[in-house]
Amino acid sequence: MTAIVIAYHSGYGHTRRVAQAVQQGAAALAGTQVTLLDVTAIDDAGWAALGAADAIVFGAPTYMGGPSGPFKVFADATAKAWFTQAWKDKLAGGFTCSLSMSGDKFSTLSYFVTLAMQHGMIWVGTGTHPAATPGDPNAINRLGGYLGVMAQADNVPPEQSPPEGDLASARDYGRRIAETARALRR
């Protein structure tokens, strides 16, 4: 059984929708157990799940050019795992969501990469070319992210946004993480 934990924060529910899409994509691969972990409610069981995971996918909205404060609090709390190298050689990935088309999402993904590298993890990118029609909200990778999934959500309820293309990108990414984790376990 391949274990994946999606450690995320969502301020208004939009990033949670992206996390759920990553979960759906990863869980579509038989023999994969995927846990959604809201980092604002992490407990001993959550830390244990992170320790047992084959892959950890980080997710947070991009606020003011970086990950949200609650995600940063979680990241700082991973120092105990860092000290013991508990996450060394686990797979890592990441996703972010913001109102703007750019919104400096790259900075948030770069933060996740740095966090993963601090832990000695192995980063998995999207492996997806940018959309040929980036203006199409149904296009896969319409925002052109290679490091991780970039989603854009309008200022509407999370049931209405992000658009299907961004959620499909997240599902594809979840499957890629699961496939890579399975291959690494072998």
Protein backbone atom coordinates (compact mmCIF):
# COMPACT_ATOMS: atom_id res chain seq x y z
CA MET A 1 0.00 0.00 0.00
CA THR A 2 1.36 3.40 -1.01
CA ALA A 3 0.60 6.14 1.52
CA ILE A 4 0.26 9.77 0.49
CA VAL A 5 -0.53 12.68 2.80
CA ILE A 6 -1.77 15.99 1.43
CA ALA A 7 -0.80 18.57 4.05
CA TYR A 8 -2.67 21.75 3.24
CA HIS A 9 -4.22 24.96 4.50
CA SER A 10 -7.22 26.61 2.87
CA GLY A 11 -8.40 30.05 3.90
CA TYR A 12 -11.73 30.17 2.08
CA GLY A 13 -12.21 26.64 0.71
CA HIS A 14 -10.74 27.06 -2.78
CA THR A 15 -7.40 25.47 -1.92
CA ARG A 16 -9.25 22.64 -0.17
CA ARG A 17 -11.00 21.91 -3.50
CA VAL A 18 -7.59 21.64 -5.17
CA ALA A 19 -6.41 19.35 -2.34
CA GLN A 20 -9.47 17.15 -2.86
CA ALA A 21 -8.73 16.97 -6.59
CA VAL A 22 -5.13 15.88 -5.88
CA GLN A 23 -6.57 13.29 -3.49
CA GLN A 24 -8.99 11.99 -6.16
CA GLY A 25 -6.21 11.64 -8.71
CA ALA A 26 -3.90 9.80 -6.32
CA ALA A 27 -6.67 7.56 -4.98
CA ALA A 28 -7.59 6.51 -8.52
CA LEU A 29 -4.45 4.36 -8.55
CA ALA A 30 -5.34 1.06 -6.87
CA GLY A 31 -3.38 0.34 -3.72
CA THR A 32 -2.98 3.99 -2.77
CA GLN A 33 -4.13 5.39 0.56
CA VAL A 34 -4.49 9.17 0.54
CA THR A 35 -4.99 11.28 3.64
CA LEU A 36 -6.09 14.91 3.58
CA LEU A 37 -4.48 16.73 6.49
CA ASP A 38 -5.61 20.25 7.34
CA VAL A 39 -2.45 21.63 8.94
CA THR A 40 -4.44 23.97 11.18
CA ALA A 41 -5.88 20.93 12.98
CA ILE A 42 -2.80 18.67 13.06
CA ASP A 43 -2.53 16.31 16.01
CA ASP A 44 -0.34 13.36 16.98
CA ALA A 45 -2.15 11.12 14.48
CA GLY A 46 -1.47 13.65 11.73
CA TRP A 47 2.23 13.79 12.56
CA ALA A 48 2.30 9.98 12.59
CA ALA A 49 0.64 9.86 9.17
CA LEU A 50 3.27 12.26 7.80
CA GLY A 51 6.02 10.07 9.26
CA ALA A 52 4.57 6.94 7.66
CA ALA A 53 3.84 8.50 4.26
CA ASP A 54 5.69 7.59 1.08
CA ALA A 55 4.84 11.04 -0.32
CA ILE A 56 3.80 14.37 1.17
CA VAL A 57 2.09 16.96 -0.99
CA PHE A 58 2.12 20.51 0.35
CA GLY A 59 -0.71 22.91 -0.44
CA ALA A 60 -1.56 26.47 0.55
CA PRO A 61 -3.10 29.56 -0.91
CA THR A 62 -0.69 32.23 -2.08
CA TYR A 63 -1.13 35.28 0.12
CA MET A 64 1.11 38.31 -0.30
CA GLY A 65 3.57 36.42 -2.51
CA GLY A 66 4.04 33.30 -0.39
CA PRO A 67 2.26 30.51 1.45
CA SER A 68 -0.41 31.42 3.98
CA GLY A 69 0.61 32.09 7.57
CA PRO A 70 -1.08 28.95 8.94
CA PHE A 71 0.88 26.82 6.47
CA LYS A 72 4.10 28.56 7.50
CA VAL A 73 3.34 27.76 11.16
CA PHE A 74 3.04 24.09 10.16
CA ALA A 75 6.27 24.26 8.13
CA ASP A 76 8.14 25.71 11.09
CA ALA A 77 6.76 22.91 13.28
CA THR A 78 8.32 20.31 10.97
CA ALA A 79 11.71 21.12 12.51
CA LYS A 80 11.46 18.05 14.74
CA ALA A 81 11.10 15.82 11.65
CA TRP A 82 13.94 17.77 10.03
CA PHE A 83 16.23 17.24 13.01
CA THR A 84 15.82 13.44 12.83
CA GLN A 85 15.68 13.38 8.99
CA ALA A 86 12.32 11.62 9.32
CA TRP A 87 11.19 12.70 5.85
CA LYS A 88 14.47 12.06 4.02
CA ASP A 89 13.91 10.35 0.64
CA LYS A 90 10.12 10.71 0.79
CA LEU A 91 8.51 12.18 -2.32
CA ALA A 92 7.27 15.74 -2.17
CA GLY A 93 5.00 17.85 -4.32
CA GLY A 94 2.93 20.98 -4.04
CA PHE A 95 0.05 23.12 -5.22
CA THR A 96 -1.26 26.60 -4.63
CA CYS A 97 -4.27 28.74 -5.44
CA SER A 98 -4.85 32.48 -5.54
CA LEU A 99 -7.26 35.03 -6.97
CA SER A 100 -4.84 36.40 -9.55
CA MET A 101 -3.75 34.53 -12.64
CA SER A 102 -0.16 34.84 -11.45
CA GLY A 103 -0.43 36.11 -7.90
CA ASP A 104 3.22 35.13 -7.41
CA LYS A 105 2.25 31.47 -7.17
CA PHE A 106 5.78 30.54 -8.25
CA SER A 107 7.08 31.97 -4.97
CA THR A 108 4.80 29.68 -2.98
CA LEU A 109 5.79 26.61 -5.00
CA SER A 110 9.46 27.58 -4.61
CA TYR A 111 8.91 27.80 -0.86
CA PHE A 112 7.52 24.25 -0.90
CA VAL A 113 10.53 23.03 -2.89
CA THR A 114 12.89 24.65 -0.38
CA LEU A 115 10.99 23.06 2.51
CA ALA A 116 11.22 19.67 0.80
CA MET A 117 14.94 20.10 0.11
CA GLN A 118 15.55 21.05 3.74
CA HIS A 119 14.00 17.69 4.63
CA GLY A 120 16.04 15.77 2.02
CA MET A 121 12.91 14.89 0.05
CA ILE A 122 12.59 14.14 -3.66
CA TRP A 123 10.47 16.69 -5.55
CA VAL A 124 7.97 15.63 -8.22
CA GLY A 125 6.92 18.26 -10.77
CA THR A 126 3.79 18.23 -12.88
CA GLY A 127 5.33 16.65 -15.97
CA THR A 128 2.72 18.54 -18.00
CA HIS A 129 3.25 21.02 -20.81
CA PRO A 130 1.43 24.34 -20.52
CA ALA A 131 -1.97 24.52 -22.20
CA ALA A 132 -2.04 25.46 -25.87
CA THR A 133 -5.07 27.62 -25.04
CA PRO A 134 -4.24 29.21 -21.66
CA GLY A 135 -7.39 31.35 -21.71
CA ASP A 136 -9.57 28.22 -21.68
CA PRO A 137 -10.69 27.54 -18.08
CA ASN A 138 -11.08 23.85 -18.98
CA ALA A 139 -7.50 23.48 -20.24
CA ILE A 140 -5.03 21.31 -18.34
CA ASN A 141 -2.15 23.36 -16.89
CA ARG A 142 -3.61 26.61 -18.23
CA LEU A 143 -1.35 28.62 -15.91
CA GLY A 144 1.81 26.83 -17.07
CA GLY A 145 3.11 25.37 -13.81
CA TYR A 146 5.98 22.90 -13.94
CA LEU A 147 7.00 22.83 -10.26
CA GLY A 148 3.49 22.03 -9.05
CA VAL A 149 -0.14 22.79 -9.69
CA MET A 150 -1.14 26.42 -9.96
CA ALA A 151 -4.85 27.13 -9.60
CA GLN A 152 -6.76 30.38 -9.86
CA ALA A 153 -10.03 30.96 -8.04
CA ASP A 154 -12.41 33.84 -8.52
CA ASN A 155 -13.87 35.69 -5.54
CA VAL A 156 -16.91 33.40 -5.46
CA PRO A 157 -17.84 30.39 -3.30
CA PRO A 158 -15.44 27.44 -3.67
CA GLU A 159 -18.18 25.36 -5.31
CA GLN A 160 -17.91 27.72 -8.30
CA SER A 161 -14.14 28.16 -8.62
CA PRO A 162 -11.35 27.13 -9.38
CA PRO A 163 -12.38 26.08 -12.89
CA GLU A 164 -12.44 22.50 -14.12
CA GLY A 165 -9.10 22.77 -15.94
CA ASP A 166 -7.29 23.60 -12.71
CA LEU A 167 -9.03 20.76 -10.86
CA ALA A 168 -8.23 18.33 -13.70
CA SER A 169 -4.60 19.48 -13.51
CA ALA A 170 -4.65 18.67 -9.78
CA ARG A 171 -6.15 15.21 -10.40
CA ASP A 172 -3.47 14.47 -13.02
CA TYR A 173 -0.80 15.62 -10.58
CA GLY A 174 -2.18 13.44 -7.79
CA ARG A 175 -2.01 10.42 -10.08
CA ARG A 176 1.57 11.30 -11.07
CA ILE A 177 2.57 11.52 -7.40
CA ALA A 178 0.93 8.13 -6.70
CA GLU A 179 2.56 6.47 -9.71
CA THR A 180 5.97 7.87 -8.80
CA ALA A 181 5.58 6.81 -5.15
CA ARG A 182 4.61 3.31 -6.23
CA ALA A 183 7.62 3.07 -8.56
CA LEU A 184 9.94 4.29 -5.80
CA ARG A 185 8.57 1.74 -3.32
CA ARG A 186 9.57 -1.05 -5.70
